[in-house]
Amino acid sequence: MKIIPYIFTAIIAGLSFSSQATQEISQEQAAGHQRIGTVSVSGLEGSTDDATHALRQKARQENAPYYRIIGVDNPGDSSAWSGDAELYR
């Protein structure tokens, strides 16, 4: 029975870690945060959602708590997407 408090603590720690996931913010929200860099993607096949997902993944890799997508583009003669996002803390 002495193990129950340790299991409970591990569960709570896991929940608090998952709440610190990278979150997309608006331009207005970004004004209250410090910009720490940018990420870009290019040549992605698929849709706008695929490009925004790739930007979110790159922001996570950079350990940025927040990111703001500043542009997603698809040239008219191509199905390849590109995009840029600013990172914040």
C-alpha atoms as a PDB file:
ATOM      1  CA  MET A   1       0.000   0.000   0.000  1.00  0.00           C
ATOM      2  CA  LYS A   2       2.963   2.323   0.361  1.00  0.00           C
ATOM      3  CA  ILE A   3       3.372   2.361  -3.428  1.00  0.00           C
ATOM      4  CA  ILE A   4      -0.001   4.077  -4.040  1.00  0.00           C
ATOM      5  CA  PRO A   5       1.284   7.614  -3.237  1.00  0.00           C
ATOM      6  CA  TYR A   6       4.178   7.130  -5.690  1.00  0.00           C
ATOM      7  CA  ILE A   7       1.857   5.990  -8.463  1.00  0.00           C
ATOM      8  CA  PHE A   8      -0.441   8.952  -7.809  1.00  0.00           C
ATOM      9  CA  THR A   9       2.546  11.353  -7.910  1.00  0.00           C
ATOM     10  CA  ALA A  10       3.735   9.861 -11.212  1.00  0.00           C
ATOM     11  CA  ILE A  11       0.281  10.271 -12.756  1.00  0.00           C
ATOM     12  CA  ILE A  12       0.039  13.917 -11.643  1.00  0.00           C
ATOM     13  CA  ALA A  13       3.548  14.633 -12.956  1.00  0.00           C
ATOM     14  CA  GLY A  14       2.609  13.113 -16.314  1.00  0.00           C
ATOM     15  CA  LEU A  15      -0.514  15.246 -16.543  1.00  0.00           C
ATOM     16  CA  SER A  16       1.360  18.446 -15.791  1.00  0.00           C
ATOM     17  CA  PHE A  17       3.995  17.596 -18.413  1.00  0.00           C
ATOM     18  CA  SER A  18       1.354  17.018 -21.093  1.00  0.00           C
ATOM     19  CA  SER A  19      -0.223  20.395 -20.329  1.00  0.00           C
ATOM     20  CA  GLN A  20       3.055  22.060 -21.346  1.00  0.00           C
ATOM     21  CA  ALA A  21       2.661  21.077 -25.002  1.00  0.00           C
ATOM     22  CA  THR A  22       3.430  23.565 -27.749  1.00  0.00           C
ATOM     23  CA  GLN A  23       0.432  25.842 -28.298  1.00  0.00           C
ATOM     24  CA  GLU A  24      -0.482  28.026 -31.254  1.00  0.00           C
ATOM     25  CA  ILE A  25      -1.139  31.656 -30.317  1.00  0.00           C
ATOM     26  CA  SER A  26      -2.567  34.670 -32.132  1.00  0.00           C
ATOM     27  CA  GLN A  27      -0.711  37.837 -33.063  1.00  0.00           C
ATOM     28  CA  GLU A  28      -2.355  39.626 -30.136  1.00  0.00           C
ATOM     29  CA  GLN A  29      -1.289  36.901 -27.690  1.00  0.00           C
ATOM     30  CA  ALA A  30       2.245  36.926 -29.119  1.00  0.00           C
ATOM     31  CA  ALA A  31       2.634  40.542 -28.034  1.00  0.00           C
ATOM     32  CA  GLY A  32       2.753  39.308 -24.432  1.00  0.00           C
ATOM     33  CA  HIS A  33       5.523  36.769 -25.072  1.00  0.00           C
ATOM     34  CA  GLN A  34       9.215  36.860 -25.957  1.00  0.00           C
ATOM     35  CA  ARG A  35      10.094  35.814 -29.507  1.00  0.00           C
ATOM     36  CA  ILE A  36      12.839  33.174 -29.492  1.00  0.00           C
ATOM     37  CA  GLY A  37      13.177  32.244 -33.164  1.00  0.00           C
ATOM     38  CA  THR A  38      11.502  30.973 -36.314  1.00  0.00           C
ATOM     39  CA  VAL A  39      10.939  27.657 -38.077  1.00  0.00           C
ATOM     40  CA  SER A  40      10.162  26.906 -41.714  1.00  0.00           C
ATOM     41  CA  VAL A  41       8.944  23.993 -43.793  1.00  0.00           C
ATOM     42  CA  SER A  42       8.956  23.557 -47.558  1.00  0.00           C
ATOM     43  CA  GLY A  43       8.200  21.010 -50.229  1.00  0.00           C
ATOM     44  CA  LEU A  44       5.407  19.333 -48.263  1.00  0.00           C
ATOM     45  CA  GLU A  45       2.874  17.312 -50.231  1.00  0.00           C
ATOM     46  CA  GLY A  46      -0.688  17.391 -48.940  1.00  0.00           C
ATOM     47  CA  SER A  47      -2.791  20.222 -47.610  1.00  0.00           C
ATOM     48  CA  THR A  48      -2.668  23.343 -45.462  1.00  0.00           C
ATOM     49  CA  ASP A  49      -3.282  21.105 -42.436  1.00  0.00           C
ATOM     50  CA  ASP A  50      -0.172  19.080 -43.265  1.00  0.00           C
ATOM     51  CA  ALA A  51       1.918  22.245 -43.427  1.00  0.00           C
ATOM     52  CA  THR A  52       0.565  23.604 -40.124  1.00  0.00           C
ATOM     53  CA  HIS A  53       1.112  20.213 -38.470  1.00  0.00           C
ATOM     54  CA  ALA A  54       4.727  20.173 -39.678  1.00  0.00           C
ATOM     55  CA  LEU A  55       5.262  23.684 -38.270  1.00  0.00           C
ATOM     56  CA  ARG A  56       3.824  22.601 -34.911  1.00  0.00           C
ATOM     57  CA  GLN A  57       6.155  19.576 -34.880  1.00  0.00           C
ATOM     58  CA  LYS A  58       9.176  21.797 -35.596  1.00  0.00           C
ATOM     59  CA  ALA A  59       8.151  24.160 -32.794  1.00  0.00           C
ATOM     60  CA  ARG A  60       7.970  21.162 -30.422  1.00  0.00           C
ATOM     61  CA  GLN A  61      11.421  20.013 -31.524  1.00  0.00           C
ATOM     62  CA  GLU A  62      12.734  23.467 -30.605  1.00  0.00           C
ATOM     63  CA  ASN A  63      11.029  23.184 -27.168  1.00  0.00           C
ATOM     64  CA  ALA A  64       9.035  26.350 -27.799  1.00  0.00           C
ATOM     65  CA  PRO A  65       5.977  26.628 -25.546  1.00  0.00           C
ATOM     66  CA  TYR A  66       4.189  28.826 -28.107  1.00  0.00           C
ATOM     67  CA  TYR A  67       4.267  29.393 -31.851  1.00  0.00           C
ATOM     68  CA  ARG A  68       2.471  31.665 -34.315  1.00  0.00           C
ATOM     69  CA  ILE A  69       2.076  30.738 -37.961  1.00  0.00           C
ATOM     70  CA  ILE A  70       3.045  33.730 -40.067  1.00  0.00           C
ATOM     71  CA  GLY A  71       2.456  32.208 -43.471  1.00  0.00           C
ATOM     72  CA  VAL A  72       1.536  29.065 -45.384  1.00  0.00           C
ATOM     73  CA  ASP A  73       1.786  29.074 -49.160  1.00  0.00           C
ATOM     74  CA  ASN A  74       1.214  26.817 -52.144  1.00  0.00           C
ATOM     75  CA  PRO A  75       2.539  28.054 -55.479  1.00  0.00           C
ATOM     76  CA  GLY A  76      -0.130  27.802 -58.166  1.00  0.00           C
ATOM     77  CA  ASP A  77       1.939  25.410 -60.276  1.00  0.00           C
ATOM     78  CA  SER A  78       2.758  22.994 -57.446  1.00  0.00           C
ATOM     79  CA  SER A  79       1.134  20.816 -54.815  1.00  0.00           C
ATOM     80  CA  ALA A  80       4.081  21.369 -52.470  1.00  0.00           C
ATOM     81  CA  TRP A  81       3.362  23.537 -49.412  1.00  0.00           C
ATOM     82  CA  SER A  82       5.722  25.793 -47.491  1.00  0.00           C
ATOM     83  CA  GLY A  83       5.265  27.771 -44.311  1.00  0.00           C
ATOM     84  CA  ASP A  84       6.878  29.837 -41.552  1.00  0.00           C
ATOM     85  CA  ALA A  85       6.168  30.228 -37.851  1.00  0.00           C
ATOM     86  CA  GLU A  86       7.593  32.396 -35.086  1.00  0.00           C
ATOM     87  CA  LEU A  87       8.482  30.745 -31.766  1.00  0.00           C
ATOM     88  CA  TYR A  88       7.738  32.306 -28.377  1.00  0.00           C
ATOM     89  CA  ARG A  89       8.164  31.684 -24.687  1.00  0.00           C
END
